[in-house]
Amino acid sequence: MPSIIDNSPDTGDDAERWTPPLSNNLNNLMGRNTLPNWNEERKSHHEKIRKSTNIPIISLKLGIDVLLSWIFFMLLADIGIASAKPGFTFEPPPTHLATEGESVSLDCIVNTEAKSYKVVWTKDSKCIDNPAYFDPNRFIETKVDDRHYKLKIHPLKREDEGAYKCVGLSQDMVGKAIFSSGCQLRVMKVPGPQYPEVFLSKSQYSIGDDIVAHCFSERVDQPPTITWIPNSVSTEPFENSSHVGVSTHLEASKEVNQTTLLCKMIVHGVEVPLFKVSVPIVVKPFLEEVVINSSKSTLTAAVSAHTFADSTMKPTFGSGGEIQHASLITIFTCLVVILALLK
């Protein structure tokens, strides 16, 4: 008896194998008029298995797509692109350190929703565009584009320390504003332009006195380096709550009279050193010598005049104690000498 063999491909271990139904009818057993019906039922059975297998795959793909879309939207919202709330996408850092005398720039950028806002800068809650509090020549506000705003301070001064903010004011809704996080600006102070300063312990010295010279600067965040020139000059550093500096000692003599001392100061971060020259050193014995020599010259001139008068003048009165012209000239000469000595 001929047999019926199912030549359909194997659908795998997990798939249900299709088996042709049995019938008591002899014609069916002989394979007559039954094969087409078996093929249709086999195809229908395989289609059901395929559809039931694809449902979980479609659900998994849909879930992955939804998850990826959510992650992408959250990333956009985090950087401010997809945010519908006005705000800042870039702000100044929480702290900023700059050196006195230099330039400093702060930037802020608003998101798309806030580009119609009017943006101003504030320092310690005061608007910088107010000339009553801030010098417009040093505080320069610039609008780079519709969303980018810049503040430049030049030159930076120690009183510029404070908290700076970017403030956006709505043009449509009165009283609505957005604020950036505060930026604390710290200024590294350097000595003022009048430093270094040099002074002597006295205005005049006598020979053998101890001459003490001081060169100093104000005490700031970064203390300066102060030295004497030449380096062979002895140096003694000193400092207190407000100043730092160096001292040196010299012995008063004729050799140091009218000489000066040179001081050099190097400020941290400034390549060019600063110099200051002392006033001339004055030694008193040198001045006394000049006065004495001047007095001697006056006295010599007076004596010469007296000698000349004695040799040329003749008496008009006779002897016997009477006053003569020569005696008057002698008295006048003595008065001149006394006045010269008093000077």
C-alpha atoms as a PDB file:
ATOM      1  CA  MET A   1       0.000   0.000   0.000  1.00  0.00           C
ATOM      2  CA  PRO A   2       1.439   3.347  -0.929  1.00  0.00           C
ATOM      3  CA  SER A   3       2.341   5.732   1.969  1.00  0.00           C
ATOM      4  CA  ILE A   4       1.944   9.484   2.269  1.00  0.00           C
ATOM      5  CA  ILE A   5       5.105  11.317   3.303  1.00  0.00           C
ATOM      6  CA  ASP A   6       5.133  14.951   4.544  1.00  0.00           C
ATOM      7  CA  ASN A   7       8.024  16.668   2.780  1.00  0.00           C
ATOM      8  CA  SER A   8       7.493  20.091   4.471  1.00  0.00           C
ATOM      9  CA  PRO A   9      10.613  21.614   6.030  1.00  0.00           C
ATOM     10  CA  ASP A  10      11.301  21.192   9.707  1.00  0.00           C
ATOM     11  CA  THR A  11      10.280  24.302  11.632  1.00  0.00           C
ATOM     12  CA  GLY A  12      12.563  23.536  14.553  1.00  0.00           C
ATOM     13  CA  ASP A  13      12.360  21.825  17.885  1.00  0.00           C
ATOM     14  CA  ASP A  14      10.017  24.444  19.358  1.00  0.00           C
ATOM     15  CA  ALA A  15       7.583  24.340  16.429  1.00  0.00           C
ATOM     16  CA  GLU A  16       4.762  21.842  16.371  1.00  0.00           C
ATOM     17  CA  ARG A  17       5.178  19.202  13.634  1.00  0.00           C
ATOM     18  CA  TRP A  18       2.091  18.814  11.469  1.00  0.00           C
ATOM     19  CA  THR A  19       0.672  15.245  11.045  1.00  0.00           C
ATOM     20  CA  PRO A  20      -1.963  14.425   8.421  1.00  0.00           C
ATOM     21  CA  PRO A  21      -5.307  13.299   9.909  1.00  0.00           C
ATOM     22  CA  LEU A  22      -6.353   9.628   9.638  1.00  0.00           C
ATOM     23  CA  SER A  23      -9.623   8.554   8.039  1.00  0.00           C
ATOM     24  CA  ASN A  24     -11.584   5.233   7.900  1.00  0.00           C
ATOM     25  CA  ASN A  25     -12.517   5.937   4.373  1.00  0.00           C
ATOM     26  CA  LEU A  26     -10.654   3.621   2.014  1.00  0.00           C
ATOM     27  CA  ASN A  27     -10.264   6.263  -0.616  1.00  0.00           C
ATOM     28  CA  ASN A  28      -8.615   8.498   1.920  1.00  0.00           C
ATOM     29  CA  LEU A  29      -6.285   5.684   2.940  1.00  0.00           C
ATOM     30  CA  MET A  30      -5.436   5.108  -0.718  1.00  0.00           C
ATOM     31  CA  GLY A  31      -4.518   8.784  -0.998  1.00  0.00           C
ATOM     32  CA  ARG A  32      -7.294   9.651  -3.404  1.00  0.00           C
ATOM     33  CA  ASN A  33      -8.730  13.215  -3.421  1.00  0.00           C
ATOM     34  CA  THR A  34      -7.276  13.987   0.019  1.00  0.00           C
ATOM     35  CA  LEU A  35      -3.760  15.414  -0.613  1.00  0.00           C
ATOM     36  CA  PRO A  36      -4.865  18.953  -1.585  1.00  0.00           C
ATOM     37  CA  ASN A  37      -6.867  19.306   1.644  1.00  0.00           C
ATOM     38  CA  TRP A  38      -3.893  18.166   3.688  1.00  0.00           C
ATOM     39  CA  ASN A  39      -1.613  20.767   2.033  1.00  0.00           C
ATOM     40  CA  GLU A  40      -4.023  23.617   2.796  1.00  0.00           C
ATOM     41  CA  GLU A  41      -4.326  22.632   6.407  1.00  0.00           C
ATOM     42  CA  ARG A  42      -0.519  22.379   6.691  1.00  0.00           C
ATOM     43  CA  LYS A  43      -0.030  25.905   5.294  1.00  0.00           C
ATOM     44  CA  SER A  44      -2.659  27.362   7.614  1.00  0.00           C
ATOM     45  CA  HIS A  45      -1.021  25.687  10.569  1.00  0.00           C
ATOM     46  CA  HIS A  46       2.434  27.083   9.699  1.00  0.00           C
ATOM     47  CA  GLU A  47       1.018  30.603   9.247  1.00  0.00           C
ATOM     48  CA  LYS A  48      -0.465  30.525  12.745  1.00  0.00           C
ATOM     49  CA  ILE A  49       2.887  29.470  14.207  1.00  0.00           C
ATOM     50  CA  ARG A  50       4.758  32.269  12.348  1.00  0.00           C
ATOM     51  CA  LYS A  51       2.360  34.987  13.506  1.00  0.00           C
ATOM     52  CA  SER A  52       2.470  33.861  17.111  1.00  0.00           C
ATOM     53  CA  THR A  53       6.302  33.898  17.013  1.00  0.00           C
ATOM     54  CA  ASN A  54       6.562  37.480  15.553  1.00  0.00           C
ATOM     55  CA  ILE A  55       4.415  39.194  18.211  1.00  0.00           C
ATOM     56  CA  PRO A  56       7.089  39.259  20.969  1.00  0.00           C
ATOM     57  CA  ILE A  57       9.760  40.497  18.496  1.00  0.00           C
ATOM     58  CA  ILE A  58       7.579  43.424  17.369  1.00  0.00           C
ATOM     59  CA  SER A  59       6.828  44.352  20.994  1.00  0.00           C
ATOM     60  CA  LEU A  60      10.548  44.314  21.871  1.00  0.00           C
ATOM     61  CA  LYS A  61      11.459  46.578  18.959  1.00  0.00           C
ATOM     62  CA  LEU A  62       8.715  49.028  19.873  1.00  0.00           C
ATOM     63  CA  GLY A  63       9.902  49.165  23.476  1.00  0.00           C
ATOM     64  CA  ILE A  64      13.496  49.854  22.426  1.00  0.00           C
ATOM     65  CA  ASP A  65      12.387  52.667  20.101  1.00  0.00           C
ATOM     66  CA  VAL A  66      10.354  54.311  22.859  1.00  0.00           C
ATOM     67  CA  LEU A  67      13.252  54.040  25.317  1.00  0.00           C
ATOM     68  CA  LEU A  68      15.742  55.574  22.877  1.00  0.00           C
ATOM     69  CA  SER A  69      13.373  58.427  22.102  1.00  0.00           C
ATOM     70  CA  TRP A  70      12.922  59.181  25.785  1.00  0.00           C
ATOM     71  CA  ILE A  71      16.675  59.171  26.442  1.00  0.00           C
ATOM     72  CA  PHE A  72      17.314  61.498  23.489  1.00  0.00           C
ATOM     73  CA  PHE A  73      14.620  63.942  24.655  1.00  0.00           C
ATOM     74  CA  MET A  74      16.041  63.996  28.191  1.00  0.00           C
ATOM     75  CA  LEU A  75      19.508  64.768  26.870  1.00  0.00           C
ATOM     76  CA  LEU A  76      18.176  67.667  24.822  1.00  0.00           C
ATOM     77  CA  ALA A  77      16.227  68.980  27.784  1.00  0.00           C
ATOM     78  CA  ASP A  78      19.304  68.728  29.981  1.00  0.00           C
ATOM     79  CA  ILE A  79      21.373  71.040  27.745  1.00  0.00           C
ATOM     80  CA  GLY A  80      18.481  73.445  27.324  1.00  0.00           C
ATOM     81  CA  ILE A  81      17.665  72.796  23.657  1.00  0.00           C
ATOM     82  CA  ALA A  82      14.328  71.134  24.195  1.00  0.00           C
ATOM     83  CA  SER A  83      13.447  73.121  27.317  1.00  0.00           C
ATOM     84  CA  ALA A  84      10.441  75.363  27.004  1.00  0.00           C
ATOM     85  CA  LYS A  85      11.482  77.350  30.095  1.00  0.00           C
ATOM     86  CA  PRO A  86      13.661  80.476  29.633  1.00  0.00           C
ATOM     87  CA  GLY A  87      17.077  80.131  31.188  1.00  0.00           C
ATOM     88  CA  PHE A  88      20.832  80.148  30.667  1.00  0.00           C
ATOM     89  CA  THR A  89      22.798  77.547  28.727  1.00  0.00           C
ATOM     90  CA  PHE A  90      26.179  79.024  29.747  1.00  0.00           C
ATOM     91  CA  GLU A  91      27.096  80.959  32.882  1.00  0.00           C
ATOM     92  CA  PRO A  92      30.271  82.359  34.454  1.00  0.00           C
ATOM     93  CA  PRO A  93      32.111  79.953  36.786  1.00  0.00           C
ATOM     94  CA  PRO A  94      31.244  80.005  40.501  1.00  0.00           C
ATOM     95  CA  THR A  95      34.616  81.639  41.282  1.00  0.00           C
ATOM     96  CA  HIS A  96      37.083  83.608  39.180  1.00  0.00           C
ATOM     97  CA  LEU A  97      40.558  84.790  40.245  1.00  0.00           C
ATOM     98  CA  ALA A  98      42.297  87.700  38.495  1.00  0.00           C
ATOM     99  CA  THR A  99      45.228  90.005  39.238  1.00  0.00           C
ATOM    100  CA  GLU A 100      44.792  93.698  39.952  1.00  0.00           C
ATOM    101  CA  GLY A 101      45.565  95.803  36.904  1.00  0.00           C
ATOM    102  CA  GLU A 102      44.699  93.067  34.394  1.00  0.00           C
ATOM    103  CA  SER A 103      41.554  92.561  32.268  1.00  0.00           C
ATOM    104  CA  VAL A 104      38.775  90.105  33.106  1.00  0.00           C
ATOM    105  CA  SER A 105      35.867  88.905  30.915  1.00  0.00           C
ATOM    106  CA  LEU A 106      32.668  87.131  31.977  1.00  0.00           C
ATOM    107  CA  ASP A 107      30.184  85.505  29.553  1.00  0.00           C
ATOM    108  CA  CYS A 108      26.619  84.215  29.705  1.00  0.00           C
ATOM    109  CA  ILE A 109      24.373  82.661  27.026  1.00  0.00           C
ATOM    110  CA  VAL A 110      20.576  82.384  27.260  1.00  0.00           C
ATOM    111  CA  ASN A 111      18.568  79.591  25.641  1.00  0.00           C
ATOM    112  CA  THR A 112      16.279  80.085  22.640  1.00  0.00           C
ATOM    113  CA  GLU A 113      13.216  80.726  24.792  1.00  0.00           C
ATOM    114  CA  ALA A 114      14.950  83.693  26.465  1.00  0.00           C
ATOM    115  CA  LYS A 115      16.616  85.338  23.480  1.00  0.00           C
ATOM    116  CA  SER A 116      13.975  88.116  23.511  1.00  0.00           C
ATOM    117  CA  TYR A 117      14.877  88.998  27.110  1.00  0.00           C
ATOM    118  CA  LYS A 118      16.884  92.099  27.959  1.00  0.00           C
ATOM    119  CA  VAL A 119      20.056  90.889  29.695  1.00  0.00           C
ATOM    120  CA  VAL A 120      22.018  93.075  32.137  1.00  0.00           C
ATOM    121  CA  TRP A 121      24.926  92.436  34.499  1.00  0.00           C
ATOM    122  CA  THR A 122      24.871  93.086  38.231  1.00  0.00           C
ATOM    123  CA  LYS A 123      27.520  93.279  40.971  1.00  0.00           C
ATOM    124  CA  ASP A 124      26.310  92.704  44.499  1.00  0.00           C
ATOM    125  CA  SER A 125      22.713  93.277  43.288  1.00  0.00           C
ATOM    126  CA  LYS A 126      23.547  96.650  41.675  1.00  0.00           C
ATOM    127  CA  CYS A 127      23.118  97.131  37.920  1.00  0.00           C
ATOM    128  CA  ILE A 128      26.478  97.722  36.273  1.00  0.00           C
ATOM    129  CA  ASP A 129      24.953  99.984  33.607  1.00  0.00           C
ATOM    130  CA  ASN A 130      24.312 102.578  36.345  1.00  0.00           C
ATOM    131  CA  PRO A 131      27.096 105.207  35.992  1.00  0.00           C
ATOM    132  CA  ALA A 132      26.439 106.414  39.534  1.00  0.00           C
ATOM    133  CA  TYR A 133      28.078 103.240  40.861  1.00  0.00           C
ATOM    134  CA  PHE A 134      30.250 101.942  38.017  1.00  0.00           C
ATOM    135  CA  ASP A 135      32.699 103.624  35.644  1.00  0.00           C
ATOM    136  CA  PRO A 136      31.455 102.955  32.073  1.00  0.00           C
ATOM    137  CA  ASN A 137      35.029 103.306  30.821  1.00  0.00           C
ATOM    138  CA  ARG A 138      36.115 100.302  32.902  1.00  0.00           C
ATOM    139  CA  PHE A 139      32.916  98.198  32.962  1.00  0.00           C
ATOM    140  CA  ILE A 140      32.008  97.413  29.341  1.00  0.00           C
ATOM    141  CA  GLU A 141      28.863  95.370  28.549  1.00  0.00           C
ATOM    142  CA  THR A 142      28.651  93.841  25.063  1.00  0.00           C
ATOM    143  CA  LYS A 143      25.887  91.947  23.259  1.00  0.00           C
ATOM    144  CA  VAL A 144      27.751  89.492  21.026  1.00  0.00           C
ATOM    145  CA  ASP A 145      24.576  88.093  19.407  1.00  0.00           C
ATOM    146  CA  ASP A 146      20.899  87.439  20.260  1.00  0.00           C
ATOM    147  CA  ARG A 147      21.843  85.051  23.060  1.00  0.00           C
ATOM    148  CA  HIS A 148      25.466  85.802  24.005  1.00  0.00           C
ATOM    149  CA  TYR A 149      26.366  88.607  26.448  1.00  0.00           C
ATOM    150  CA  LYS A 150      29.818  89.645  27.703  1.00  0.00           C
ATOM    151  CA  LEU A 151      31.150  91.824  30.521  1.00  0.00           C
ATOM    152  CA  LYS A 152      34.727  93.162  30.404  1.00  0.00           C
ATOM    153  CA  ILE A 153      36.473  94.947  33.298  1.00  0.00           C
ATOM    154  CA  HIS A 154      39.702  96.819  32.520  1.00  0.00           C
ATOM    155  CA  PRO A 155      41.800  97.653  34.378  1.00  0.00           C
ATOM    156  CA  LEU A 156      40.789  95.514  37.324  1.00  0.00           C
ATOM    157  CA  LYS A 157      40.890  97.187  40.749  1.00  0.00           C
ATOM    158  CA  ARG A 158      40.794  95.674  44.211  1.00  0.00           C
ATOM    159  CA  GLU A 159      37.393  97.227  44.915  1.00  0.00           C
ATOM    160  CA  ASP A 160      35.936  95.243  41.977  1.00  0.00           C
ATOM    161  CA  GLU A 161      35.747  92.121  44.140  1.00  0.00           C
ATOM    162  CA  GLY A 162      32.183  90.841  44.552  1.00  0.00           C
ATOM    163  CA  ALA A 163      29.379  88.620  43.242  1.00  0.00           C
ATOM    164  CA  TYR A 164      28.511  89.082  39.554  1.00  0.00           C
ATOM    165  CA  LYS A 165      25.293  87.819  37.927  1.00  0.00           C
ATOM    166  CA  CYS A 166      23.623  87.819  34.536  1.00  0.00           C
ATOM    167  CA  VAL A 167      19.963  88.898  34.787  1.00  0.00           C
ATOM    168  CA  GLY A 168      17.404  88.453  32.001  1.00  0.00           C
ATOM    169  CA  LEU A 169      14.348  90.743  32.053  1.00  0.00           C
ATOM    170  CA  SER A 170      11.235  89.752  30.104  1.00  0.00           C
ATOM    171  CA  GLN A 171      10.048  92.273  27.528  1.00  0.00           C
ATOM    172  CA  ASP A 172       6.485  90.847  27.554  1.00  0.00           C
ATOM    173  CA  MET A 173       5.789  90.118  31.214  1.00  0.00           C
ATOM    174  CA  VAL A 174       6.574  92.887  33.695  1.00  0.00           C
ATOM    175  CA  GLY A 175       8.468  91.628  36.710  1.00  0.00           C
ATOM    176  CA  LYS A 176       9.462  88.307  35.162  1.00  0.00           C
ATOM    177  CA  ALA A 177      13.217  87.727  35.271  1.00  0.00           C
ATOM    178  CA  ILE A 178      15.766  84.944  35.118  1.00  0.00           C
ATOM    179  CA  PHE A 179      19.047  84.910  37.058  1.00  0.00           C
ATOM    180  CA  SER A 180      22.308  83.137  36.447  1.00  0.00           C
ATOM    181  CA  SER A 181      24.267  81.593  39.267  1.00  0.00           C
ATOM    182  CA  GLY A 182      26.544  84.057  41.015  1.00  0.00           C
ATOM    183  CA  CYS A 183      30.220  84.328  40.081  1.00  0.00           C
ATOM    184  CA  GLN A 184      32.454  85.385  42.973  1.00  0.00           C
ATOM    185  CA  LEU A 185      35.268  87.518  41.536  1.00  0.00           C
ATOM    186  CA  ARG A 186      38.420  87.606  43.669  1.00  0.00           C
ATOM    187  CA  VAL A 187      41.176  90.142  42.941  1.00  0.00           C
ATOM    188  CA  MET A 188      44.824  89.368  43.647  1.00  0.00           C
ATOM    189  CA  LYS A 189      46.101  92.673  45.020  1.00  0.00           C
ATOM    190  CA  VAL A 190      49.463  94.144  43.964  1.00  0.00           C
ATOM    191  CA  PRO A 191      51.320  97.150  45.452  1.00  0.00           C
ATOM    192  CA  GLY A 192      50.119 100.584  44.386  1.00  0.00           C
ATOM    193  CA  PRO A 193      52.030 102.707  41.845  1.00  0.00           C
ATOM    194  CA  GLN A 194      53.678 104.804  44.590  1.00  0.00           C
ATOM    195  CA  TYR A 195      55.692 101.811  45.825  1.00  0.00           C
ATOM    196  CA  PRO A 196      58.447 101.079  46.619  1.00  0.00           C
ATOM    197  CA  GLU A 197      59.148 103.988  48.942  1.00  0.00           C
ATOM    198  CA  VAL A 198      62.578 104.854  50.400  1.00  0.00           C
ATOM    199  CA  PHE A 199      63.278 107.058  53.420  1.00  0.00           C
ATOM    200  CA  LEU A 200      66.223 107.803  55.708  1.00  0.00           C
ATOM    201  CA  SER A 201      66.126 107.760  59.500  1.00  0.00           C
ATOM    202  CA  LYS A 202      67.309 111.419  59.688  1.00  0.00           C
ATOM    203  CA  SER A 203      67.578 114.375  57.372  1.00  0.00           C
ATOM    204  CA  GLN A 204      71.205 115.147  58.406  1.00  0.00           C
ATOM    205  CA  TYR A 205      74.000 113.142  59.994  1.00  0.00           C
ATOM    206  CA  SER A 206      77.267 113.878  61.747  1.00  0.00           C
ATOM    207  CA  ILE A 207      80.441 112.012  60.918  1.00  0.00           C
ATOM    208  CA  GLY A 208      80.348 108.625  62.600  1.00  0.00           C
ATOM    209  CA  ASP A 209      76.524 108.468  62.905  1.00  0.00           C
ATOM    210  CA  ASP A 210      74.573 105.328  61.962  1.00  0.00           C
ATOM    211  CA  ILE A 211      72.637 105.986  58.747  1.00  0.00           C
ATOM    212  CA  VAL A 212      69.527 103.768  58.566  1.00  0.00           C
ATOM    213  CA  ALA A 213      67.677 103.523  55.231  1.00  0.00           C
ATOM    214  CA  HIS A 214      64.339 101.740  54.684  1.00  0.00           C
ATOM    215  CA  CYS A 215      62.742 100.528  51.439  1.00  0.00           C
ATOM    216  CA  PHE A 216      59.194  99.179  51.815  1.00  0.00           C
ATOM    217  CA  SER A 217      55.889  98.378  50.124  1.00  0.00           C
ATOM    218  CA  GLU A 218      52.343  97.758  51.289  1.00  0.00           C
ATOM    219  CA  ARG A 219      51.451  94.256  52.390  1.00  0.00           C
ATOM    220  CA  VAL A 220      49.261  92.544  49.756  1.00  0.00           C
ATOM    221  CA  ASP A 221      48.122  89.020  48.803  1.00  0.00           C
ATOM    222  CA  GLN A 222      51.418  88.251  47.089  1.00  0.00           C
ATOM    223  CA  PRO A 223      54.291  89.996  48.950  1.00  0.00           C
ATOM    224  CA  PRO A 224      56.826  91.630  46.603  1.00  0.00           C
ATOM    225  CA  THR A 225      60.567  90.933  46.595  1.00  0.00           C
ATOM    226  CA  ILE A 226      62.580  94.023  47.673  1.00  0.00           C
ATOM    227  CA  THR A 227      66.369  94.390  47.423  1.00  0.00           C
ATOM    228  CA  TRP A 228      69.052  97.094  47.467  1.00  0.00           C
ATOM    229  CA  ILE A 229      71.339  97.857  44.532  1.00  0.00           C
ATOM    230  CA  PRO A 230      74.154  96.955  44.543  1.00  0.00           C
ATOM    231  CA  ASN A 231      73.570  93.599  46.170  1.00  0.00           C
ATOM    232  CA  SER A 232      76.662  94.110  48.305  1.00  0.00           C
ATOM    233  CA  VAL A 233      74.661  96.510  50.496  1.00  0.00           C
ATOM    234  CA  SER A 234      73.685  94.770  53.730  1.00  0.00           C
ATOM    235  CA  THR A 235      69.974  93.916  53.868  1.00  0.00           C
ATOM    236  CA  GLU A 236      67.721  93.366  56.878  1.00  0.00           C
ATOM    237  CA  PRO A 237      64.116  92.347  56.077  1.00  0.00           C
ATOM    238  CA  PHE A 238      61.249  93.658  58.190  1.00  0.00           C
ATOM    239  CA  GLU A 239      57.449  93.426  58.122  1.00  0.00           C
ATOM    240  CA  ASN A 240      54.351  94.352  60.066  1.00  0.00           C
ATOM    241  CA  SER A 241      50.604  94.125  59.604  1.00  0.00           C
ATOM    242  CA  SER A 242      50.539  96.690  56.795  1.00  0.00           C
ATOM    243  CA  HIS A 243      54.004  96.822  55.168  1.00  0.00           C
ATOM    244  CA  VAL A 244      57.013  94.693  54.202  1.00  0.00           C
ATOM    245  CA  GLY A 245      60.491  95.854  53.285  1.00  0.00           C
ATOM    246  CA  VAL A 246      64.240  95.851  53.858  1.00  0.00           C
ATOM    247  CA  SER A 247      66.641  98.082  55.813  1.00  0.00           C
ATOM    248  CA  THR A 248      70.352  98.818  55.582  1.00  0.00           C
ATOM    249  CA  HIS A 249      72.961 100.563  57.777  1.00  0.00           C
ATOM    250  CA  LEU A 250      75.813 102.878  56.744  1.00  0.00           C
ATOM    251  CA  GLU A 251      78.362 104.932  58.689  1.00  0.00           C
ATOM    252  CA  ALA A 252      78.193 108.661  58.058  1.00  0.00           C
ATOM    253  CA  SER A 253      81.369 110.007  56.485  1.00  0.00           C
ATOM    254  CA  LYS A 254      82.565 112.536  53.957  1.00  0.00           C
ATOM    255  CA  GLU A 255      82.567 109.763  51.325  1.00  0.00           C
ATOM    256  CA  VAL A 256      78.795 109.086  51.634  1.00  0.00           C
ATOM    257  CA  ASN A 257      77.848 112.755  51.721  1.00  0.00           C
ATOM    258  CA  GLN A 258      75.406 113.673  48.898  1.00  0.00           C
ATOM    259  CA  THR A 259      75.162 110.024  47.761  1.00  0.00           C
ATOM    260  CA  THR A 260      71.854 108.157  47.187  1.00  0.00           C
ATOM    261  CA  LEU A 261      70.568 104.618  47.663  1.00  0.00           C
ATOM    262  CA  LEU A 262      68.717 102.597  44.986  1.00  0.00           C
ATOM    263  CA  CYS A 263      65.944 100.110  45.830  1.00  0.00           C
ATOM    264  CA  LYS A 264      64.402  97.481  43.512  1.00  0.00           C
ATOM    265  CA  MET A 265      61.013  95.761  43.895  1.00  0.00           C
ATOM    266  CA  ILE A 266      59.728  92.789  41.891  1.00  0.00           C
ATOM    267  CA  VAL A 267      55.965  92.155  42.012  1.00  0.00           C
ATOM    268  CA  HIS A 268      54.629  88.640  41.520  1.00  0.00           C
ATOM    269  CA  GLY A 269      53.416  88.196  37.943  1.00  0.00           C
ATOM    270  CA  VAL A 270      55.015  91.477  36.752  1.00  0.00           C
ATOM    271  CA  GLU A 271      58.191  90.976  34.728  1.00  0.00           C
ATOM    272  CA  VAL A 272      59.386  94.603  34.823  1.00  0.00           C
ATOM    273  CA  PRO A 273      60.831  95.533  38.259  1.00  0.00           C
ATOM    274  CA  LEU A 274      60.142  98.883  39.918  1.00  0.00           C
ATOM    275  CA  PHE A 275      62.884 101.178  41.236  1.00  0.00           C
ATOM    276  CA  LYS A 276      63.054 104.050  43.722  1.00  0.00           C
ATOM    277  CA  VAL A 277      65.995 106.345  44.617  1.00  0.00           C
ATOM    278  CA  SER A 278      66.471 107.839  48.074  1.00  0.00           C
ATOM    279  CA  VAL A 279      67.080 111.522  48.783  1.00  0.00           C
ATOM    280  CA  PRO A 280      70.765 112.514  49.012  1.00  0.00           C
ATOM    281  CA  ILE A 281      72.513 111.730  52.289  1.00  0.00           C
ATOM    282  CA  VAL A 282      73.677 114.904  54.094  1.00  0.00           C
ATOM    283  CA  VAL A 283      76.632 114.808  56.512  1.00  0.00           C
ATOM    284  CA  LYS A 284      76.779 117.963  58.733  1.00  0.00           C
ATOM    285  CA  PRO A 285      80.585 118.378  59.236  1.00  0.00           C
ATOM    286  CA  PHE A 286      80.918 118.941  55.518  1.00  0.00           C
ATOM    287  CA  LEU A 287      78.444 121.818  55.720  1.00  0.00           C
ATOM    288  CA  GLU A 288      80.214 123.319  58.776  1.00  0.00           C
ATOM    289  CA  GLU A 289      83.484 123.305  56.885  1.00  0.00           C
ATOM    290  CA  VAL A 290      81.910 125.290  54.091  1.00  0.00           C
ATOM    291  CA  VAL A 291      80.581 127.887  56.566  1.00  0.00           C
ATOM    292  CA  ILE A 292      83.933 128.171  58.332  1.00  0.00           C
ATOM    293  CA  ASN A 293      85.806 128.630  55.059  1.00  0.00           C
ATOM    294  CA  SER A 294      83.308 131.299  54.020  1.00  0.00           C
ATOM    295  CA  SER A 295      83.779 133.114  57.331  1.00  0.00           C
ATOM    296  CA  LYS A 296      87.555 132.967  56.980  1.00  0.00           C
ATOM    297  CA  SER A 297      87.347 134.511  53.532  1.00  0.00           C
ATOM    298  CA  THR A 298      85.203 137.370  54.882  1.00  0.00           C
ATOM    299  CA  LEU A 299      87.577 137.939  57.802  1.00  0.00           C
ATOM    300  CA  THR A 300      90.626 138.005  55.502  1.00  0.00           C
ATOM    301  CA  ALA A 301      88.946 140.543  53.268  1.00  0.00           C
ATOM    302  CA  ALA A 302      88.085 142.708  56.268  1.00  0.00           C
ATOM    303  CA  VAL A 303      91.656 142.593  57.644  1.00  0.00           C
ATOM    304  CA  SER A 304      93.055 143.487  54.232  1.00  0.00           C
ATOM    305  CA  ALA A 305      90.755 146.470  54.033  1.00  0.00           C
ATOM    306  CA  HIS A 306      91.826 147.542  57.502  1.00  0.00           C
ATOM    307  CA  THR A 307      95.511 147.286  56.571  1.00  0.00           C
ATOM    308  CA  PHE A 308      94.936 149.283  53.432  1.00  0.00           C
ATOM    309  CA  ALA A 309      93.112 151.981  55.388  1.00  0.00           C
ATOM    310  CA  ASP A 310      95.862 152.205  57.982  1.00  0.00           C
ATOM    311  CA  SER A 311      98.470 152.709  55.299  1.00  0.00           C
ATOM    312  CA  THR A 312      96.645 155.456  53.397  1.00  0.00           C
ATOM    313  CA  MET A 313      94.679 157.490  55.916  1.00  0.00           C
ATOM    314  CA  LYS A 314      96.323 160.331  57.857  1.00  0.00           C
ATOM    315  CA  PRO A 315      95.113 161.739  61.180  1.00  0.00           C
ATOM    316  CA  THR A 316      93.204 165.040  61.062  1.00  0.00           C
ATOM    317  CA  PHE A 317      93.546 165.731  64.762  1.00  0.00           C
ATOM    318  CA  GLY A 318      96.655 165.905  66.803  1.00  0.00           C
ATOM    319  CA  SER A 319      97.823 163.348  69.269  1.00  0.00           C
ATOM    320  CA  GLY A 320      96.951 163.459  72.908  1.00  0.00           C
ATOM    321  CA  GLY A 321      93.966 161.030  72.888  1.00  0.00           C
ATOM    322  CA  GLU A 322      91.968 162.663  70.138  1.00  0.00           C
ATOM    323  CA  ILE A 323      89.908 160.499  67.747  1.00  0.00           C
ATOM    324  CA  GLN A 324      91.476 159.858  64.395  1.00  0.00           C
ATOM    325  CA  HIS A 325      90.002 158.642  61.089  1.00  0.00           C
ATOM    326  CA  ALA A 326      91.929 155.356  61.370  1.00  0.00           C
ATOM    327  CA  SER A 327      90.100 154.528  64.609  1.00  0.00           C
ATOM    328  CA  LEU A 328      86.695 154.895  62.904  1.00  0.00           C
ATOM    329  CA  ILE A 329      87.744 152.578  60.129  1.00  0.00           C
ATOM    330  CA  THR A 330      88.881 150.005  62.693  1.00  0.00           C
ATOM    331  CA  ILE A 331      85.485 150.079  64.440  1.00  0.00           C
ATOM    332  CA  PHE A 332      83.645 149.673  61.137  1.00  0.00           C
ATOM    333  CA  THR A 333      85.839 146.718  60.182  1.00  0.00           C
ATOM    334  CA  CYS A 334      85.118 144.973  63.501  1.00  0.00           C
ATOM    335  CA  LEU A 335      81.391 145.389  62.995  1.00  0.00           C
ATOM    336  CA  VAL A 336      81.608 143.804  59.557  1.00  0.00           C
ATOM    337  CA  VAL A 337      83.503 140.814  60.949  1.00  0.00           C
ATOM    338  CA  ILE A 338      80.988 140.335  63.782  1.00  0.00           C
ATOM    339  CA  LEU A 339      78.042 140.394  61.360  1.00  0.00           C
ATOM    340  CA  ALA A 340      79.764 137.853  59.127  1.00  0.00           C
ATOM    341  CA  LEU A 341      80.309 135.510  62.047  1.00  0.00           C
ATOM    342  CA  LEU A 342      76.695 135.854  63.164  1.00  0.00           C
ATOM    343  CA  LYS A 343      75.497 134.795  59.744  1.00  0.00           C
END
